[in-house]
Protein backbone atom coordinates (compact mmCIF):
# COMPACT_ATOMS: atom_id res chain seq x y z
CA MET A 1 0.10 0.08 -0.12
CA MET A 2 1.32 3.47 -0.75
CA ASN A 3 1.47 5.79 1.95
CA PRO A 4 0.44 9.46 1.18
CA GLN A 5 2.61 10.71 3.80
CA ASN A 6 5.97 9.14 2.43
CA ARG A 7 7.62 11.63 -0.17
CA SER A 8 9.29 8.47 -1.76
CA ASP A 9 5.69 7.09 -2.73
CA ILE A 10 4.83 10.30 -4.75
CA LYS A 11 6.06 10.83 -8.46
CA PRO A 12 5.07 13.50 -10.78
CA GLY A 13 2.41 12.00 -13.26
CA ILE A 14 0.69 9.80 -10.95
CA SER A 15 -3.00 10.09 -9.92
CA VAL A 16 -3.81 11.10 -6.52
CA ASP A 17 -6.72 12.54 -4.31
CA ILE A 18 -5.78 15.82 -2.31
CA VAL A 19 -7.19 18.08 0.19
CA LEU A 20 -7.30 21.69 -0.66
CA LYS A 21 -6.48 24.00 1.88
CA ALA A 22 -10.01 25.49 1.76
CA ASP A 23 -11.17 22.24 2.28
CA GLN A 24 -9.35 21.07 5.27
CA ARG A 25 -12.50 21.60 7.58
CA THR A 26 -14.70 19.34 5.51
CA GLY A 27 -12.18 16.63 4.30
CA LYS A 28 -13.49 16.98 1.00
CA THR A 29 -10.99 15.48 -1.54
CA THR A 30 -10.10 16.68 -5.14
CA SER A 31 -8.79 14.33 -7.68
CA GLY A 32 -5.74 15.20 -10.16
CA THR A 33 -2.29 14.22 -11.54
CA VAL A 34 0.79 15.32 -9.69
CA LYS A 35 2.90 17.94 -11.31
CA ASP A 36 5.33 19.29 -8.57
CA ILE A 37 6.11 17.90 -4.95
CA LEU A 38 6.04 21.01 -2.86
CA THR A 39 7.26 19.19 0.48
CA ASN A 40 10.75 18.99 1.04
CA SER A 41 10.89 16.60 4.06
CA SER A 42 10.79 12.66 3.46
CA PHE A 43 7.89 12.40 5.70
CA HIS A 44 4.76 14.62 6.73
CA PRO A 45 2.20 13.49 9.02
CA HIS A 46 -0.71 15.49 7.27
CA GLY A 47 0.32 14.07 3.64
CA ILE A 48 2.64 15.32 1.16
CA LYS A 49 1.93 18.71 -0.18
CA VAL A 50 1.75 18.83 -4.14
CA ARG A 51 0.84 20.83 -7.15
CA LEU A 52 -1.55 19.25 -9.58
CA THR A 53 -1.36 19.68 -13.34
CA ASP A 54 -4.14 22.17 -13.25
CA GLY A 55 -2.41 24.44 -10.62
CA ARG A 56 -4.30 23.43 -7.44
CA VAL A 57 -2.14 22.76 -4.40
CA GLY A 58 -2.98 20.62 -1.24
CA ARG A 59 -2.11 17.37 0.67
CA VAL A 60 -2.05 13.97 -0.63
CA LYS A 61 -4.71 11.67 1.10
CA THR A 62 -5.06 8.90 -1.51
CA ILE A 63 -2.72 7.43 -3.98
CA HIS A 64 -4.43 5.64 -6.91
CA GLN A 65 -2.59 2.41 -7.89
CA GLU A 66 -1.47 2.16 -11.35
CA SER A 67 -3.08 -0.57 -13.21
């Protein structure tokens, strides 16, 4: 199982669900494809922060498995 808290499990081009800053209270997720990884540390307890290809920024909650 891929862990959204580990930077090593996240690569540009993979499909993920993120929680946007505005949605942190509700926990609503947004799907997209990773463009950039913004968190520098190898682990973050709330999820690694990424920028999606459409420009939105949030913390990864789910990593979709490649088929």
